[in-house]
Amino acid sequence: MERLEDEVLVAKTLEGNKEAFSVLVQRYQKQIYSLAYRLCGDYDGARDLAQDSFLKIYEALGTFDRSRRFFPWMYRVAHNVCINILSKKQQELVPLDNIIDYEPSSPDAQTQPEVSFEQKERQRLISKALSELPEQFRIPLALKYIEGFSYKEISEHLQLPESTIETRLFRGRKMMQKKLEIALKVN
């Protein structure tokens, strides 16, 4: 069942096959948890938000348009659940500071403290610059460069034309570049 396409698993779930939905949860739990963590900045809170998101996704499966791709729809539902719950708790959304996962550039970096320090500092500066961007630029950048979404997927997720996404990504990258240049001059 793990090899079936998302839309087939959705159809099986709607027919009453709970194992099919379990496969979808297993397939996308990391992405939904990552989304929740970026929005709340707390491990336990992210786990709760992810669970609430999957519950809502399950309840809303009947509204899914099967002519479209499942992942962007599911991600949008999860995003809305997280935002709604966080706003009800009247918590301020935590920016992407210290949330982006980076891979070390080389195995040697782990054994050389100064290289490791430089990488961590660069990561901190990038994360800080990203967190300071207005939401309209921060979210498309996070979806593109952290989640790996295509322009089309970002467009579907944010319900904006692809040309708008391209513009926001371009402007967001320019803003990031300026912020990083300033941060590097100060440090």
Foldseek 3Di string as FASTA:
>chain_A
DLPDALLVLLVVVVVPPVVSLVSVCVVCVVVLLLLLCQFAVDNVRSVVLSVVLSVVCSVCSVVDDSVDHDVLVSSLSSNVSSVVVCVVVVDHTQHQQPRADDDDPDPVCVVDVVSVVVVVVVSRQLSVLLRPDPPLQSVLCCCCPRVVDDLVSVCSNVVHDSVSSVVSPVVSVVSSVVSSVVVVVVD
